[in-house]
Amino acid sequence: MTSQNSTPPQGSHQWILTLELPGRCTTTQYGTWTPPAGATRHDVFVSLREHIVAEHPELSRANTVFFSLEPNRL
């Protein structure tokens, strides 16, 4: 019997981003991503925030409560 791994490949970095609209809502999203060559931590933050806001436009004025970007390895 052959075992196949059906888990999709993960990105080179793991990220967590928490946004809050004070008194209204807080959301935490996370995932993995391989940034393009030459990308900075700020580039990744802006891209991820824009991605979340594109899916949830009501968060366009949300405060960033937490952001983490770490290499996805132990």
N, C-alpha and C. Protein backbone atom coordinates (compact mmCIF):
# COMPACT_ATOMS: atom_id res chain seq x y z
N MET A 1 0.84 -1.17 0.00
CA MET A 1 0.00 0.00 0.00
C MET A 1 0.89 1.24 0.00
N THR A 2 0.57 2.20 -0.83
CA THR A 2 1.33 3.44 -0.93
C THR A 2 0.56 4.56 -0.24
N SER A 3 1.26 5.30 0.59
CA SER A 3 0.64 6.42 1.28
C SER A 3 0.90 7.69 0.50
N GLN A 4 -0.14 8.48 0.27
CA GLN A 4 0.02 9.75 -0.42
C GLN A 4 -0.35 10.88 0.52
N ASN A 5 0.45 11.90 0.48
CA ASN A 5 0.19 13.07 1.31
C ASN A 5 -0.66 14.04 0.50
N SER A 6 -1.90 14.28 0.94
CA SER A 6 -2.79 15.17 0.21
C SER A 6 -2.77 16.59 0.76
N THR A 7 -1.88 16.86 1.71
CA THR A 7 -1.76 18.20 2.27
C THR A 7 -1.08 19.11 1.24
N PRO A 8 -1.69 20.27 0.94
CA PRO A 8 -1.05 21.16 -0.02
C PRO A 8 0.28 21.69 0.54
N PRO A 9 1.20 22.05 -0.34
CA PRO A 9 2.48 22.57 0.13
C PRO A 9 2.28 23.87 0.92
N GLN A 10 3.14 24.10 1.88
CA GLN A 10 3.07 25.31 2.69
C GLN A 10 4.09 26.32 2.20
N GLY A 11 3.83 27.58 2.52
CA GLY A 11 4.74 28.65 2.15
C GLY A 11 5.96 28.68 3.04
N SER A 12 6.90 29.51 2.70
CA SER A 12 8.16 29.60 3.44
C SER A 12 8.02 30.33 4.77
N HIS A 13 6.93 31.08 4.93
CA HIS A 13 6.71 31.85 6.16
C HIS A 13 5.29 31.64 6.68
N GLN A 14 5.16 31.67 7.99
CA GLN A 14 3.84 31.62 8.61
C GLN A 14 3.51 33.03 9.10
N TRP A 15 2.26 33.45 8.89
CA TRP A 15 1.85 34.78 9.32
C TRP A 15 0.57 34.72 10.15
N ILE A 16 0.42 35.70 11.03
CA ILE A 16 -0.79 35.90 11.83
C ILE A 16 -1.04 37.40 11.86
N LEU A 17 -2.29 37.79 11.58
CA LEU A 17 -2.64 39.20 11.57
C LEU A 17 -3.99 39.38 12.25
N THR A 18 -4.02 40.25 13.26
CA THR A 18 -5.25 40.56 13.97
C THR A 18 -5.61 42.02 13.70
N LEU A 19 -6.84 42.24 13.24
CA LEU A 19 -7.37 43.58 13.00
C LEU A 19 -8.57 43.80 13.90
N GLU A 20 -8.75 45.06 14.33
CA GLU A 20 -9.86 45.36 15.23
C GLU A 20 -10.52 46.69 14.85
N LEU A 21 -11.83 46.67 14.85
CA LEU A 21 -12.63 47.88 14.81
C LEU A 21 -13.13 48.05 16.24
N PRO A 22 -12.54 48.97 17.01
CA PRO A 22 -12.85 49.08 18.43
C PRO A 22 -14.36 49.15 18.69
N GLY A 23 -14.79 48.29 19.60
CA GLY A 23 -16.18 48.23 19.98
C GLY A 23 -17.09 47.54 18.99
N ARG A 24 -16.53 47.09 17.86
CA ARG A 24 -17.36 46.46 16.83
C ARG A 24 -16.97 45.03 16.54
N CYS A 25 -15.71 44.80 16.18
CA CYS A 25 -15.29 43.44 15.86
C CYS A 25 -13.77 43.33 15.87
N THR A 26 -13.32 42.11 16.04
CA THR A 26 -11.91 41.76 15.96
C THR A 26 -11.82 40.49 15.13
N THR A 27 -10.83 40.44 14.25
CA THR A 27 -10.61 39.23 13.45
C THR A 27 -9.13 38.88 13.46
N THR A 28 -8.86 37.61 13.57
CA THR A 28 -7.49 37.10 13.45
C THR A 28 -7.47 36.13 12.30
N GLN A 29 -6.56 36.34 11.38
CA GLN A 29 -6.39 35.42 10.26
C GLN A 29 -4.94 34.98 10.23
N TYR A 30 -4.70 33.82 9.64
CA TYR A 30 -3.35 33.27 9.61
C TYR A 30 -3.19 32.37 8.40
N GLY A 31 -1.95 32.07 8.09
CA GLY A 31 -1.66 31.17 6.99
C GLY A 31 -0.17 31.11 6.73
N THR A 32 0.17 30.52 5.60
CA THR A 32 1.57 30.49 5.17
C THR A 32 1.65 31.12 3.79
N TRP A 33 2.83 31.63 3.49
CA TRP A 33 3.02 32.31 2.21
C TRP A 33 4.51 32.37 1.90
N THR A 34 4.83 32.27 0.64
CA THR A 34 6.20 32.49 0.18
C THR A 34 6.24 33.84 -0.50
N PRO A 35 6.82 34.84 0.16
CA PRO A 35 6.88 36.18 -0.44
C PRO A 35 7.77 36.19 -1.68
N PRO A 36 7.52 37.12 -2.59
CA PRO A 36 8.39 37.22 -3.76
C PRO A 36 9.82 37.60 -3.36
N ALA A 37 10.76 37.24 -4.18
CA ALA A 37 12.17 37.57 -3.92
C ALA A 37 12.32 39.07 -3.73
N GLY A 38 13.06 39.45 -2.71
CA GLY A 38 13.32 40.86 -2.45
C GLY A 38 12.25 41.55 -1.62
N ALA A 39 11.17 40.86 -1.28
CA ALA A 39 10.11 41.47 -0.48
C ALA A 39 10.61 41.75 0.93
N THR A 40 10.12 42.82 1.50
CA THR A 40 10.45 43.17 2.88
C THR A 40 9.30 42.74 3.80
N ARG A 41 9.57 42.78 5.09
CA ARG A 41 8.53 42.47 6.07
C ARG A 41 7.34 43.42 5.88
N HIS A 42 7.63 44.69 5.63
CA HIS A 42 6.57 45.69 5.41
C HIS A 42 5.75 45.35 4.16
N ASP A 43 6.43 44.94 3.09
CA ASP A 43 5.72 44.55 1.86
C ASP A 43 4.73 43.43 2.15
N VAL A 44 5.17 42.45 2.93
CA VAL A 44 4.30 41.31 3.26
C VAL A 44 3.12 41.78 4.11
N PHE A 45 3.39 42.61 5.11
CA PHE A 45 2.31 43.13 5.95
C PHE A 45 1.27 43.85 5.11
N VAL A 46 1.71 44.76 4.25
CA VAL A 46 0.77 45.53 3.42
C VAL A 46 -0.02 44.60 2.51
N SER A 47 0.63 43.64 1.89
CA SER A 47 -0.06 42.70 1.00
C SER A 47 -1.11 41.88 1.74
N LEU A 48 -0.76 41.38 2.91
CA LEU A 48 -1.70 40.58 3.68
C LEU A 48 -2.88 41.41 4.17
N ARG A 49 -2.60 42.61 4.63
CA ARG A 49 -3.68 43.49 5.09
C ARG A 49 -4.62 43.83 3.93
N GLU A 50 -4.05 44.14 2.78
CA GLU A 50 -4.87 44.44 1.61
C GLU A 50 -5.72 43.24 1.20
N HIS A 51 -5.16 42.05 1.30
CA HIS A 51 -5.90 40.83 0.98
C HIS A 51 -7.10 40.65 1.92
N ILE A 52 -6.88 40.85 3.21
CA ILE A 52 -7.96 40.71 4.18
C ILE A 52 -9.04 41.77 3.94
N VAL A 53 -8.62 43.00 3.71
CA VAL A 53 -9.59 44.08 3.48
C VAL A 53 -10.37 43.86 2.18
N ALA A 54 -9.74 43.28 1.17
CA ALA A 54 -10.46 42.98 -0.07
C ALA A 54 -11.60 41.99 0.19
N GLU A 55 -11.37 41.05 1.11
CA GLU A 55 -12.42 40.08 1.45
C GLU A 55 -13.42 40.64 2.44
N HIS A 56 -13.00 41.62 3.26
CA HIS A 56 -13.85 42.20 4.30
C HIS A 56 -13.68 43.72 4.27
N PRO A 57 -14.31 44.41 3.31
CA PRO A 57 -14.11 45.86 3.15
C PRO A 57 -14.40 46.68 4.40
N GLU A 58 -15.25 46.16 5.28
CA GLU A 58 -15.57 46.89 6.51
C GLU A 58 -14.34 47.05 7.41
N LEU A 59 -13.27 46.28 7.14
CA LEU A 59 -12.05 46.36 7.95
C LEU A 59 -11.03 47.36 7.39
N SER A 60 -11.41 48.12 6.39
CA SER A 60 -10.45 49.04 5.77
C SER A 60 -9.89 50.07 6.75
N ARG A 61 -10.66 50.41 7.78
CA ARG A 61 -10.19 51.39 8.77
C ARG A 61 -9.84 50.73 10.10
N ALA A 62 -9.69 49.42 10.10
CA ALA A 62 -9.39 48.69 11.33
C ALA A 62 -7.96 48.96 11.80
N ASN A 63 -7.78 48.86 13.11
CA ASN A 63 -6.46 48.96 13.72
C ASN A 63 -5.77 47.60 13.66
N THR A 64 -4.47 47.62 13.45
CA THR A 64 -3.69 46.39 13.53
C THR A 64 -3.34 46.18 15.00
N VAL A 65 -3.79 45.06 15.55
CA VAL A 65 -3.54 44.74 16.95
C VAL A 65 -2.32 43.83 17.07
N PHE A 66 -2.14 42.95 16.08
CA PHE A 66 -1.03 41.99 16.15
C PHE A 66 -0.63 41.60 14.73
N PHE A 67 0.68 41.49 14.51
CA PHE A 67 1.21 40.98 13.25
C PHE A 67 2.46 40.17 13.54
N SER A 68 2.51 38.97 13.01
CA SER A 68 3.69 38.12 13.15
C SER A 68 4.01 37.50 11.80
N LEU A 69 5.28 37.49 11.47
CA LEU A 69 5.77 36.85 10.25
C LEU A 69 7.05 36.13 10.62
N GLU A 70 7.04 34.83 10.53
CA GLU A 70 8.19 34.03 10.95
C GLU A 70 8.50 32.97 9.89
N PRO A 71 9.77 32.57 9.77
CA PRO A 71 10.07 31.45 8.89
C PRO A 71 9.26 30.22 9.30
N ASN A 72 8.75 29.49 8.33
CA ASN A 72 7.89 28.34 8.58
C ASN A 72 8.73 27.07 8.70
N ARG A 73 9.49 27.03 9.78
CA ARG A 73 10.32 25.85 10.04
C ARG A 73 10.54 25.73 11.54
N LEU A 74 10.91 24.55 11.97
CA LEU A 74 11.23 24.33 13.38
C LEU A 74 12.73 24.20 13.56
